[in-house]
Amino acid sequence: MHTEKDDLVKAVAKGNTKAFNQLFEEFYAPLFYYSYNLVQDKEEAKDIVLTALYKGWERREQFLQYQHIKSFLYLVVRNAGLNFLKKEQHAASRIQEIFLTAERHTQDDDDLATEAEVLKKVFKAIDELPKKCREVFKLTYLENKSVQEIADLLQITPSNVSAQRHRALSLLRLALAESPLALLYLYAHIIF
């Protein structure tokens, strides 16, 4: 089935930088969160994503459909994340967990695409939170800051931090109620 996104990919294949910028905007955030979830290092996650997008641009002529470039980008990010973990010699249990996750993903491209869609829903819901809730949520769960650190950073009281965090979780539960996989991912991989 041919889609508008396939037309966008074909424009990229022809060297259209405006079309590539559209793809960049669409893929950057979900790829970053996927990468960050793997490597747990913000700067490395950014580098991995930018490298993956650059490789996508270099090989643009190979992609005829949106799904092809999407699978390619997630595969490049996953492999780069695994390579980073090997080089950095993270704890053996973390590496083993990542390899098990990677094995599961290599079984089927549809699994990878499904996870990408789930990640996209989760982080779209996070990005749509009210500003203060979003800031508190990200500082708490993505940057592992304490309540006091967040209060100091945002110049609010610790009780306000707790209230904003509770509000963020409530709003996310509502936003993701129609997507049990996204809700499960939020709780299994981000909150805990």
Protein backbone atom coordinates (compact mmCIF):
# COMPACT_ATOMS: atom_id res chain seq x y z
CA MET A 1 0.00 0.00 0.00
CA HIS A 2 1.46 3.34 -1.11
CA THR A 3 1.30 6.27 1.35
CA GLU A 4 2.24 9.96 1.50
CA LYS A 5 5.18 8.96 3.67
CA ASP A 6 6.39 6.70 0.85
CA ASP A 7 6.31 9.77 -1.43
CA LEU A 8 8.37 11.62 1.17
CA VAL A 9 10.94 8.80 1.18
CA LYS A 10 11.08 8.85 -2.62
CA ALA A 11 11.72 12.60 -2.52
CA VAL A 12 14.55 11.99 -0.06
CA ALA A 13 15.96 9.28 -2.36
CA LYS A 14 16.17 11.95 -5.08
CA GLY A 15 18.20 14.21 -2.77
CA ASN A 16 15.41 16.53 -1.63
CA THR A 17 16.82 18.06 1.58
CA LYS A 18 13.48 19.60 2.58
CA ALA A 19 11.90 16.13 2.54
CA PHE A 20 14.83 14.78 4.55
CA ASN A 21 14.35 17.55 7.12
CA GLN A 22 10.74 16.38 7.51
CA LEU A 23 11.91 12.81 8.11
CA PHE A 24 14.58 14.10 10.49
CA GLU A 25 11.95 15.97 12.52
CA GLU A 26 9.70 12.92 12.62
CA PHE A 27 12.37 10.41 13.60
CA TYR A 28 14.73 12.36 15.85
CA ALA A 29 12.75 12.29 19.11
CA PRO A 30 11.60 8.65 19.02
CA LEU A 31 15.07 7.51 17.91
CA PHE A 32 16.65 9.55 20.69
CA TYR A 33 14.42 8.01 23.35
CA TYR A 34 15.01 4.53 21.93
CA SER A 35 18.77 5.15 21.93
CA TYR A 36 18.76 6.71 25.39
CA ASN A 37 16.82 3.74 26.74
CA LEU A 38 19.59 1.47 25.43
CA VAL A 39 22.73 3.40 26.41
CA GLN A 40 21.54 5.51 29.37
CA ASP A 41 23.86 8.32 28.24
CA LYS A 42 22.27 11.45 26.80
CA GLU A 43 25.21 12.68 24.71
CA GLU A 44 25.97 9.22 23.35
CA ALA A 45 22.29 8.73 22.51
CA LYS A 46 22.30 12.00 20.54
CA ASP A 47 25.47 11.01 18.67
CA ILE A 48 24.02 7.60 17.83
CA VAL A 49 20.82 9.12 16.46
CA LEU A 50 22.60 11.77 14.41
CA THR A 51 24.93 9.13 12.98
CA ALA A 52 21.97 6.89 12.12
CA LEU A 53 20.17 9.75 10.37
CA TYR A 54 23.35 10.64 8.50
CA LYS A 55 23.68 7.02 7.36
CA GLY A 56 20.05 7.15 6.26
CA TRP A 57 20.87 10.20 4.16
CA GLU A 58 23.98 8.55 2.70
CA ARG A 59 21.94 5.51 1.66
CA ARG A 60 18.81 7.41 0.72
CA GLU A 61 18.67 5.94 -2.77
CA GLN A 62 18.17 2.45 -1.34
CA PHE A 63 14.86 3.29 0.33
CA LEU A 64 11.66 3.11 -1.67
CA GLN A 65 9.19 2.92 1.18
CA TYR A 66 8.76 4.62 4.54
CA GLN A 67 8.87 1.30 6.39
CA HIS A 68 12.29 0.50 4.86
CA ILE A 69 13.97 3.65 6.15
CA LYS A 70 12.22 3.37 9.50
CA SER A 71 13.44 -0.21 10.03
CA PHE A 72 16.93 0.78 8.87
CA LEU A 73 17.18 3.70 11.30
CA TYR A 74 16.01 1.68 14.30
CA LEU A 75 18.38 -1.15 13.37
CA VAL A 76 21.35 1.24 13.10
CA VAL A 77 20.49 2.85 16.45
CA ARG A 78 20.10 -0.52 18.15
CA ASN A 79 23.40 -1.84 16.79
CA ALA A 80 25.28 1.36 17.66
CA GLY A 81 23.80 1.26 21.17
CA LEU A 82 24.93 -2.32 21.65
CA ASN A 83 28.41 -1.47 20.37
CA PHE A 84 28.61 1.44 22.81
CA LEU A 85 27.64 -0.81 25.70
CA LYS A 86 30.31 -3.34 24.73
CA LYS A 87 33.02 -0.66 24.52
CA GLU A 88 32.06 0.92 27.80
CA GLN A 89 31.90 -2.43 29.60
CA HIS A 90 28.68 -1.66 31.43
CA ALA A 91 27.52 -4.10 34.04
CA ALA A 92 27.22 -7.62 32.64
CA SER A 93 23.57 -7.87 33.63
CA ARG A 94 22.70 -4.70 31.67
CA ILE A 95 24.50 -5.98 28.57
CA GLN A 96 22.81 -9.36 28.87
CA GLU A 97 19.42 -7.65 29.16
CA ILE A 98 20.13 -5.57 26.05
CA PHE A 99 21.29 -8.60 24.07
CA LEU A 100 18.16 -10.50 25.01
CA THR A 101 16.09 -7.53 23.91
CA ALA A 102 18.11 -7.31 20.68
CA GLU A 103 17.60 -11.00 19.94
CA ARG A 104 13.89 -10.56 20.37
CA HIS A 105 13.95 -7.62 17.93
CA THR A 106 15.91 -9.45 15.26
CA GLN A 107 13.30 -12.16 15.09
CA ASP A 108 10.93 -9.98 13.12
CA ASP A 109 10.98 -6.49 11.61
CA ASP A 110 7.35 -6.13 12.63
CA ASP A 111 8.39 -6.37 16.29
CA LEU A 112 10.83 -3.51 15.73
CA ALA A 113 8.18 -1.44 13.98
CA THR A 114 5.69 -2.15 16.76
CA GLU A 115 8.15 -1.07 19.43
CA ALA A 116 8.90 2.08 17.46
CA GLU A 117 5.21 2.93 17.31
CA VAL A 118 4.83 2.24 21.03
CA LEU A 119 7.81 4.49 21.81
CA LYS A 120 6.41 7.18 19.57
CA LYS A 121 3.06 7.08 21.41
CA VAL A 122 4.71 7.16 24.82
CA PHE A 123 6.99 10.09 24.07
CA LYS A 124 4.31 11.96 22.19
CA ALA A 125 2.13 11.69 25.30
CA ILE A 126 5.05 12.89 27.44
CA ASP A 127 5.69 15.83 25.10
CA GLU A 128 2.00 16.80 25.28
CA LEU A 129 2.00 17.08 29.06
CA PRO A 130 1.64 20.60 30.47
CA LYS A 131 5.03 22.29 30.66
CA LYS A 132 5.69 21.96 34.41
CA CYS A 133 4.44 18.33 34.50
CA ARG A 134 6.63 17.48 31.51
CA GLU A 135 9.71 19.07 33.09
CA VAL A 136 9.17 17.27 36.40
CA PHE A 137 8.47 13.96 34.65
CA LYS A 138 11.60 14.15 32.49
CA LEU A 139 13.83 15.22 35.35
CA THR A 140 12.43 12.44 37.55
CA TYR A 141 12.27 9.49 35.19
CA LEU A 142 14.67 10.28 32.36
CA GLU A 143 17.39 12.07 34.30
CA ASN A 144 16.90 10.31 37.67
CA LYS A 145 16.94 13.52 39.70
CA SER A 146 15.75 13.55 43.31
CA VAL A 147 12.71 15.53 44.44
CA GLN A 148 14.99 18.08 46.14
CA GLU A 149 17.22 18.43 43.04
CA ILE A 150 14.15 19.04 40.88
CA ALA A 151 12.73 21.54 43.37
CA ASP A 152 16.02 23.43 43.34
CA LEU A 153 16.32 23.35 39.54
CA LEU A 154 12.75 24.50 38.89
CA GLN A 155 12.59 26.77 41.96
CA ILE A 156 9.46 25.12 43.32
CA THR A 157 8.70 23.31 46.56
CA PRO A 158 9.31 19.58 46.97
CA SER A 159 5.58 19.08 47.55
CA ASN A 160 4.90 20.84 44.23
CA VAL A 161 7.38 18.45 42.57
CA SER A 162 5.47 15.48 44.00
CA ALA A 163 2.13 16.95 42.93
CA GLN A 164 3.39 17.63 39.40
CA ARG A 165 4.83 14.12 39.15
CA HIS A 166 1.53 12.59 40.31
CA ARG A 167 -0.38 14.79 37.85
CA ALA A 168 1.96 13.77 35.01
CA LEU A 169 1.44 10.07 35.73
CA SER A 170 -2.34 10.52 35.89
CA LEU A 171 -2.39 12.42 32.59
CA LEU A 172 -0.16 9.81 30.93
CA ARG A 173 -2.41 6.98 32.14
CA LEU A 174 -5.37 8.78 30.56
CA ALA A 175 -3.50 9.61 27.34
CA LEU A 176 -2.29 6.03 26.88
CA ALA A 177 -5.45 4.25 28.08
CA GLU A 178 -6.27 3.21 24.50
CA SER A 179 -2.80 1.73 24.01
CA PRO A 180 -2.06 -0.92 26.64
CA LEU A 181 1.35 -1.68 25.09
CA ALA A 182 2.38 1.97 25.38
CA LEU A 183 1.15 2.12 28.97
CA LEU A 184 3.02 -1.08 29.81
CA TYR A 185 6.19 0.28 28.19
CA LEU A 186 5.89 3.51 30.17
CA TYR A 187 5.71 1.65 33.46
CA ALA A 188 8.16 -1.15 32.67
CA HIS A 189 10.95 0.84 31.00
CA ILE A 190 10.65 4.45 32.09
CA ILE A 191 9.08 4.68 35.51
CA PHE A 192 10.65 1.60 37.12
